Amino acid sequence: MVIGVALLVIGAVVGIYAGLQSVPEYAYAYRFMLFGLFSFGSGYGLYLLTAALATLVYIERNTRGILNN
């Protein structure tokens, strides 16, 4: 989850930085912005996946605890 949040922050910073550049060659800024967006998306996806798995583990533990009583 920490890695997902780190990718989220890095992607947001890179995307914002690339969007604010006024470079004559827009291909580099475009690639930089795409890298930021992809890392933002992968960080968000990793965060959601980890949260979903943590929720499943939490439900499984509670169900097992209820059935053992």
PDB file of N, CA and C in Angstrom:
ATOM      1  N   MET A   1       0.822  -1.175   0.000  1.00  0.00           N
ATOM      2  CA  MET A   1       0.000   0.000   0.000  1.00  0.00           C
ATOM      3  C   MET A   1       0.878   1.255   0.000  1.00  0.00           C
ATOM      4  N   VAL A   2       1.982   1.173   0.706  1.00  0.00           N
ATOM      5  CA  VAL A   2       2.903   2.317   0.744  1.00  0.00           C
ATOM      6  C   VAL A   2       3.521   2.557  -0.628  1.00  0.00           C
ATOM      7  N   ILE A   3       3.843   1.489  -1.327  1.00  0.00           N
ATOM      8  CA  ILE A   3       4.413   1.622  -2.675  1.00  0.00           C
ATOM      9  C   ILE A   3       3.383   2.247  -3.619  1.00  0.00           C
ATOM     10  N   GLY A   4       2.124   1.828  -3.488  1.00  0.00           N
ATOM     11  CA  GLY A   4       1.073   2.411  -4.314  1.00  0.00           C
ATOM     12  C   GLY A   4       0.900   3.899  -4.065  1.00  0.00           C
ATOM     13  N   VAL A   5       0.943   4.299  -2.800  1.00  0.00           N
ATOM     14  CA  VAL A   5       0.816   5.721  -2.473  1.00  0.00           C
ATOM     15  C   VAL A   5       2.035   6.493  -2.970  1.00  0.00           C
ATOM     16  N   ALA A   6       3.224   5.892  -2.863  1.00  0.00           N
ATOM     17  CA  ALA A   6       4.434   6.555  -3.365  1.00  0.00           C
ATOM     18  C   ALA A   6       4.348   6.754  -4.877  1.00  0.00           C
ATOM     19  N   LEU A   7       3.893   5.745  -5.610  1.00  0.00           N
ATOM     20  CA  LEU A   7       3.721   5.884  -7.057  1.00  0.00           C
ATOM     21  C   LEU A   7       2.665   6.936  -7.383  1.00  0.00           C
ATOM     22  N   LEU A   8       1.644   7.006  -6.561  1.00  0.00           N
ATOM     23  CA  LEU A   8       0.597   8.005  -6.747  1.00  0.00           C
ATOM     24  C   LEU A   8       1.168   9.416  -6.633  1.00  0.00           C
ATOM     25  N   VAL A   9       1.955   9.642  -5.598  1.00  0.00           N
ATOM     26  CA  VAL A   9       2.541  10.968  -5.381  1.00  0.00           C
ATOM     27  C   VAL A   9       3.558  11.299  -6.463  1.00  0.00           C
ATOM     28  N   ILE A  10       4.420  10.349  -6.797  1.00  0.00           N
ATOM     29  CA  ILE A  10       5.434  10.586  -7.834  1.00  0.00           C
ATOM     30  C   ILE A  10       4.767  10.879  -9.168  1.00  0.00           C
ATOM     31  N   GLY A  11       3.735  10.117  -9.504  1.00  0.00           N
ATOM     32  CA  GLY A  11       3.023  10.350 -10.755  1.00  0.00           C
ATOM     33  C   GLY A  11       2.363  11.708 -10.801  1.00  0.00           C
ATOM     34  N   ALA A  12       1.775  12.128  -9.686  1.00  0.00           N
ATOM     35  CA  ALA A  12       1.132  13.441  -9.655  1.00  0.00           C
ATOM     36  C   ALA A  12       2.153  14.557  -9.805  1.00  0.00           C
ATOM     37  N   VAL A  13       3.289  14.435  -9.115  1.00  0.00           N
ATOM     38  CA  VAL A  13       4.328  15.469  -9.201  1.00  0.00           C
ATOM     39  C   VAL A  13       4.915  15.538 -10.601  1.00  0.00           C
ATOM     40  N   VAL A  14       5.198  14.381 -11.176  1.00  0.00           N
ATOM     41  CA  VAL A  14       5.776  14.348 -12.528  1.00  0.00           C
ATOM     42  C   VAL A  14       4.781  14.903 -13.544  1.00  0.00           C
ATOM     43  N   GLY A  15       3.511  14.521 -13.417  1.00  0.00           N
ATOM     44  CA  GLY A  15       2.499  15.022 -14.346  1.00  0.00           C
ATOM     45  C   GLY A  15       2.308  16.524 -14.248  1.00  0.00           C
ATOM     46  N   ILE A  16       2.282  17.054 -13.044  1.00  0.00           N
ATOM     47  CA  ILE A  16       2.125  18.495 -12.865  1.00  0.00           C
ATOM     48  C   ILE A  16       3.348  19.231 -13.384  1.00  0.00           C
ATOM     49  N   TYR A  17       4.534  18.708 -13.082  1.00  0.00           N
ATOM     50  CA  TYR A  17       5.767  19.342 -13.543  1.00  0.00           C
ATOM     51  C   TYR A  17       5.839  19.368 -15.070  1.00  0.00           C
ATOM     52  N   ALA A  18       5.447  18.260 -15.705  1.00  0.00           N
ATOM     53  CA  ALA A  18       5.482  18.203 -17.166  1.00  0.00           C
ATOM     54  C   ALA A  18       4.448  19.137 -17.781  1.00  0.00           C
ATOM     55  N   GLY A  19       3.322  19.286 -17.120  1.00  0.00           N
ATOM     56  CA  GLY A  19       2.293  20.177 -17.635  1.00  0.00           C
ATOM     57  C   GLY A  19       2.671  21.646 -17.537  1.00  0.00           C
ATOM     58  N   LEU A  20       3.518  21.986 -16.590  1.00  0.00           N
ATOM     59  CA  LEU A  20       3.907  23.379 -16.403  1.00  0.00           C
ATOM     60  C   LEU A  20       5.127  23.795 -17.224  1.00  0.00           C
ATOM     61  N   GLN A  21       5.801  22.850 -17.869  1.00  0.00           N
ATOM     62  CA  GLN A  21       6.995  23.190 -18.638  1.00  0.00           C
ATOM     63  C   GLN A  21       6.622  23.861 -19.949  1.00  0.00           C
ATOM     64  N   SER A  22       7.416  24.846 -20.314  1.00  0.00           N
ATOM     65  CA  SER A  22       7.212  25.496 -21.611  1.00  0.00           C
ATOM     66  C   SER A  22       8.446  25.223 -22.471  1.00  0.00           C
ATOM     67  N   VAL A  23       8.607  23.979 -22.844  1.00  0.00           N
ATOM     68  CA  VAL A  23       9.745  23.533 -23.638  1.00  0.00           C
ATOM     69  C   VAL A  23       9.354  23.592 -25.112  1.00  0.00           C
ATOM     70  N   PRO A  24      10.244  24.071 -25.983  1.00  0.00           N
ATOM     71  CA  PRO A  24       9.896  24.108 -27.406  1.00  0.00           C
ATOM     72  C   PRO A  24       9.607  22.724 -27.992  1.00  0.00           C
ATOM     73  N   GLU A  25      10.296  21.712 -27.495  1.00  0.00           N
ATOM     74  CA  GLU A  25      10.062  20.353 -27.992  1.00  0.00           C
ATOM     75  C   GLU A  25       9.011  19.694 -27.097  1.00  0.00           C
ATOM     76  N   TYR A  26       7.804  19.634 -27.603  1.00  0.00           N
ATOM     77  CA  TYR A  26       6.704  19.125 -26.795  1.00  0.00           C
ATOM     78  C   TYR A  26       6.719  17.610 -26.664  1.00  0.00           C
ATOM     79  N   ALA A  27       7.495  16.924 -27.482  1.00  0.00           N
ATOM     80  CA  ALA A  27       7.529  15.468 -27.407  1.00  0.00           C
ATOM     81  C   ALA A  27       8.071  15.010 -26.060  1.00  0.00           C
ATOM     82  N   TYR A  28       9.097  15.683 -25.560  1.00  0.00           N
ATOM     83  CA  TYR A  28       9.666  15.294 -24.270  1.00  0.00           C
ATOM     84  C   TYR A  28       8.696  15.581 -23.133  1.00  0.00           C
ATOM     85  N   ALA A  29       8.053  16.732 -23.168  1.00  0.00           N
ATOM     86  CA  ALA A  29       7.077  17.068 -22.132  1.00  0.00           C
ATOM     87  C   ALA A  29       5.890  16.114 -22.188  1.00  0.00           C
ATOM     88  N   TYR A  30       5.479  15.736 -23.399  1.00  0.00           N
ATOM     89  CA  TYR A  30       4.365  14.804 -23.566  1.00  0.00           C
ATOM     90  C   TYR A  30       4.715  13.438 -22.998  1.00  0.00           C
ATOM     91  N   ARG A  31       5.907  12.944 -23.299  1.00  0.00           N
ATOM     92  CA  ARG A  31       6.350  11.649 -22.752  1.00  0.00           C
ATOM     93  C   ARG A  31       6.462  11.707 -21.242  1.00  0.00           C
ATOM     94  N   PHE A  32       6.980  12.807 -20.733  1.00  0.00           N
ATOM     95  CA  PHE A  32       7.130  12.984 -19.297  1.00  0.00           C
ATOM     96  C   PHE A  32       5.761  13.000 -18.619  1.00  0.00           C
ATOM     97  N   MET A  33       4.800  13.689 -19.242  1.00  0.00           N
ATOM     98  CA  MET A  33       3.460  13.749 -18.694  1.00  0.00           C
ATOM     99  C   MET A  33       2.785  12.373 -18.749  1.00  0.00           C
ATOM    100  N   LEU A  34       2.990  11.637 -19.830  1.00  0.00           N
ATOM    101  CA  LEU A  34       2.424  10.292 -19.921  1.00  0.00           C
ATOM    102  C   LEU A  34       3.019   9.367 -18.871  1.00  0.00           C
ATOM    103  N   PHE A  35       4.318   9.484 -18.637  1.00  0.00           N
ATOM    104  CA  PHE A  35       4.954   8.698 -17.585  1.00  0.00           C
ATOM    105  C   PHE A  35       4.326   9.020 -16.230  1.00  0.00           C
ATOM    106  N   GLY A  36       4.095  10.292 -15.978  1.00  0.00           N
ATOM    107  CA  GLY A  36       3.458  10.688 -14.724  1.00  0.00           C
ATOM    108  C   GLY A  36       2.055  10.143 -14.596  1.00  0.00           C
ATOM    109  N   LEU A  37       1.298  10.208 -15.677  1.00  0.00           N
ATOM    110  CA  LEU A  37      -0.070   9.699 -15.637  1.00  0.00           C
ATOM    111  C   LEU A  37      -0.102   8.191 -15.458  1.00  0.00           C
ATOM    112  N   PHE A  38       0.780   7.472 -16.145  1.00  0.00           N
ATOM    113  CA  PHE A  38       0.821   6.018 -15.999  1.00  0.00           C
ATOM    114  C   PHE A  38       1.266   5.603 -14.607  1.00  0.00           C
ATOM    115  N   SER A  39       2.241   6.292 -14.043  1.00  0.00           N
ATOM    116  CA  SER A  39       2.661   5.936 -12.688  1.00  0.00           C
ATOM    117  C   SER A  39       1.581   6.314 -11.678  1.00  0.00           C
ATOM    118  N   PHE A  40       0.857   7.411 -11.925  1.00  0.00           N
ATOM    119  CA  PHE A  40      -0.276   7.772 -11.069  1.00  0.00           C
ATOM    120  C   PHE A  40      -1.351   6.681 -11.128  1.00  0.00           C
ATOM    121  N   GLY A  41      -1.667   6.234 -12.332  1.00  0.00           N
ATOM    122  CA  GLY A  41      -2.672   5.187 -12.494  1.00  0.00           C
ATOM    123  C   GLY A  41      -2.251   3.862 -11.894  1.00  0.00           C
ATOM    124  N   SER A  42      -0.997   3.503 -12.077  1.00  0.00           N
ATOM    125  CA  SER A  42      -0.538   2.232 -11.507  1.00  0.00           C
ATOM    126  C   SER A  42      -0.468   2.312  -9.986  1.00  0.00           C
ATOM    127  N   GLY A  43      -0.099   3.465  -9.454  1.00  0.00           N
ATOM    128  CA  GLY A  43      -0.102   3.625  -8.003  1.00  0.00           C
ATOM    129  C   GLY A  43      -1.498   3.538  -7.428  1.00  0.00           C
ATOM    130  N   TYR A  44      -2.460   4.157  -8.112  1.00  0.00           N
ATOM    131  CA  TYR A  44      -3.848   4.106  -7.651  1.00  0.00           C
ATOM    132  C   TYR A  44      -4.386   2.677  -7.730  1.00  0.00           C
ATOM    133  N   GLY A  45      -4.066   1.991  -8.824  1.00  0.00           N
ATOM    134  CA  GLY A  45      -4.506   0.604  -8.968  1.00  0.00           C
ATOM    135  C   GLY A  45      -3.889  -0.301  -7.915  1.00  0.00           C
ATOM    136  N   LEU A  46      -2.614  -0.112  -7.640  1.00  0.00           N
ATOM    137  CA  LEU A  46      -1.943  -0.911  -6.613  1.00  0.00           C
ATOM    138  C   LEU A  46      -2.529  -0.624  -5.235  1.00  0.00           C
ATOM    139  N   TYR A  47      -2.836   0.637  -4.973  1.00  0.00           N
ATOM    140  CA  TYR A  47      -3.458   0.999  -3.704  1.00  0.00           C
ATOM    141  C   TYR A  47      -4.830   0.334  -3.556  1.00  0.00           C
ATOM    142  N   LEU A  48      -5.634   0.375  -4.611  1.00  0.00           N
ATOM    143  CA  LEU A  48      -6.963  -0.248  -4.549  1.00  0.00           C
ATOM    144  C   LEU A  48      -6.876  -1.761  -4.395  1.00  0.00           C
ATOM    145  N   LEU A  49      -5.947  -2.379  -5.099  1.00  0.00           N
ATOM    146  CA  LEU A  49      -5.771  -3.828  -4.991  1.00  0.00           C
ATOM    147  C   LEU A  49      -5.375  -4.220  -3.579  1.00  0.00           C
ATOM    148  N   THR A  50      -4.448  -3.498  -2.996  1.00  0.00           N
ATOM    149  CA  THR A  50      -4.004  -3.801  -1.638  1.00  0.00           C
ATOM    150  C   THR A  50      -5.129  -3.580  -0.634  1.00  0.00           C
ATOM    151  N   ALA A  51      -5.894  -2.517  -0.813  1.00  0.00           N
ATOM    152  CA  ALA A  51      -7.015  -2.260   0.094  1.00  0.00           C
ATOM    153  C   ALA A  51      -8.074  -3.351  -0.016  1.00  0.00           C
ATOM    154  N   ALA A  52      -8.334  -3.828  -1.227  1.00  0.00           N
ATOM    155  CA  ALA A  52      -9.312  -4.896  -1.414  1.00  0.00           C
ATOM    156  C   ALA A  52      -8.830  -6.195  -0.767  1.00  0.00           C
ATOM    157  N   LEU A  53      -7.554  -6.518  -0.939  1.00  0.00           N
ATOM    158  CA  LEU A  53      -7.017  -7.733  -0.324  1.00  0.00           C
ATOM    159  C   LEU A  53      -7.013  -7.627   1.194  1.00  0.00           C
ATOM    160  N   ALA A  54      -6.709  -6.450   1.731  1.00  0.00           N
ATOM    161  CA  ALA A  54      -6.736  -6.265   3.180  1.00  0.00           C
ATOM    162  C   ALA A  54      -8.159  -6.417   3.712  1.00  0.00           C
ATOM    163  N   THR A  55      -9.137  -5.944   2.963  1.00  0.00           N
ATOM    164  CA  THR A  55     -10.530  -6.092   3.364  1.00  0.00           C
ATOM    165  C   THR A  55     -10.934  -7.565   3.375  1.00  0.00           C
ATOM    166  N   LEU A  56     -10.504  -8.311   2.363  1.00  0.00           N
ATOM    167  CA  LEU A  56     -10.814  -9.738   2.317  1.00  0.00           C
ATOM    168  C   LEU A  56     -10.190 -10.489   3.487  1.00  0.00           C
ATOM    169  N   VAL A  57      -8.960 -10.153   3.826  1.00  0.00           N
ATOM    170  CA  VAL A  57      -8.296 -10.794   4.965  1.00  0.00           C
ATOM    171  C   VAL A  57      -9.017 -10.452   6.255  1.00  0.00           C
ATOM    172  N   TYR A  58      -9.452  -9.214   6.400  1.00  0.00           N
ATOM    173  CA  TYR A  58     -10.185  -8.785   7.589  1.00  0.00           C
ATOM    174  C   TYR A  58     -11.501  -9.549   7.716  1.00  0.00           C
ATOM    175  N   ILE A  59     -12.222  -9.695   6.618  1.00  0.00           N
ATOM    176  CA  ILE A  59     -13.488 -10.430   6.641  1.00  0.00           C
ATOM    177  C   ILE A  59     -13.247 -11.901   6.983  1.00  0.00           C
ATOM    178  N   GLU A  60     -12.207 -12.471   6.404  1.00  0.00           N
ATOM    179  CA  GLU A  60     -11.900 -13.883   6.660  1.00  0.00           C
ATOM    180  C   GLU A  60     -11.543 -14.110   8.123  1.00  0.00           C
ATOM    181  N   ARG A  61     -10.761 -13.213   8.710  1.00  0.00           N
ATOM    182  CA  ARG A  61     -10.390 -13.357  10.120  1.00  0.00           C
ATOM    183  C   ARG A  61     -11.624 -13.257  11.021  1.00  0.00           C
ATOM    184  N   ASN A  62     -12.487 -12.296  10.744  1.00  0.00           N
ATOM    185  CA  ASN A  62     -13.683 -12.144  11.571  1.00  0.00           C
ATOM    186  C   ASN A  62     -14.613 -13.331  11.415  1.00  0.00           C
ATOM    187  N   THR A  63     -14.752 -13.845  10.217  1.00  0.00           N
ATOM    188  CA  THR A  63     -15.619 -14.998   9.986  1.00  0.00           C
ATOM    189  C   THR A  63     -15.072 -16.227  10.707  1.00  0.00           C
ATOM    190  N   ARG A  64     -13.765 -16.417  10.641  1.00  0.00           N
ATOM    191  CA  ARG A  64     -13.152 -17.544  11.319  1.00  0.00           C
ATOM    192  C   ARG A  64     -13.313 -17.407  12.833  1.00  0.00           C
ATOM    193  N   GLY A  65     -13.176 -16.179  13.352  1.00  0.00           N
ATOM    194  CA  GLY A  65     -13.344 -15.952  14.785  1.00  0.00           C
ATOM    195  C   GLY A  65     -14.771 -16.216  15.232  1.00  0.00           C
ATOM    196  N   ILE A  66     -15.747 -15.840  14.407  1.00  0.00           N
ATOM    197  CA  ILE A  66     -17.144 -16.071  14.760  1.00  0.00           C
ATOM    198  C   ILE A  66     -17.459 -17.558  14.727  1.00  0.00           C
ATOM    199  N   LEU A  67     -16.941 -18.270  13.735  1.00  0.00           N
ATOM    200  CA  LEU A  67     -17.232 -19.718  13.616  1.00  0.00           C
ATOM    201  C   LEU A  67     -16.550 -20.529  14.710  1.00  0.00           C
ATOM    202  N   ASN A  68     -15.432 -20.034  15.238  1.00  0.00           N
ATOM    203  CA  ASN A  68     -14.730 -20.779  16.302  1.00  0.00           C
ATOM    204  C   ASN A  68     -15.432 -20.642  17.646  1.00  0.00           C
ATOM    205  N   ASN A  69     -16.260 -19.618  17.801  1.00  0.00           N
ATOM    206  CA  ASN A  69     -16.958 -19.436  19.096  1.00  0.00           C
ATOM    207  C   ASN A  69     -18.182 -20.237  19.169  1.00  0.00           C
TER     208      ASN A  69
END
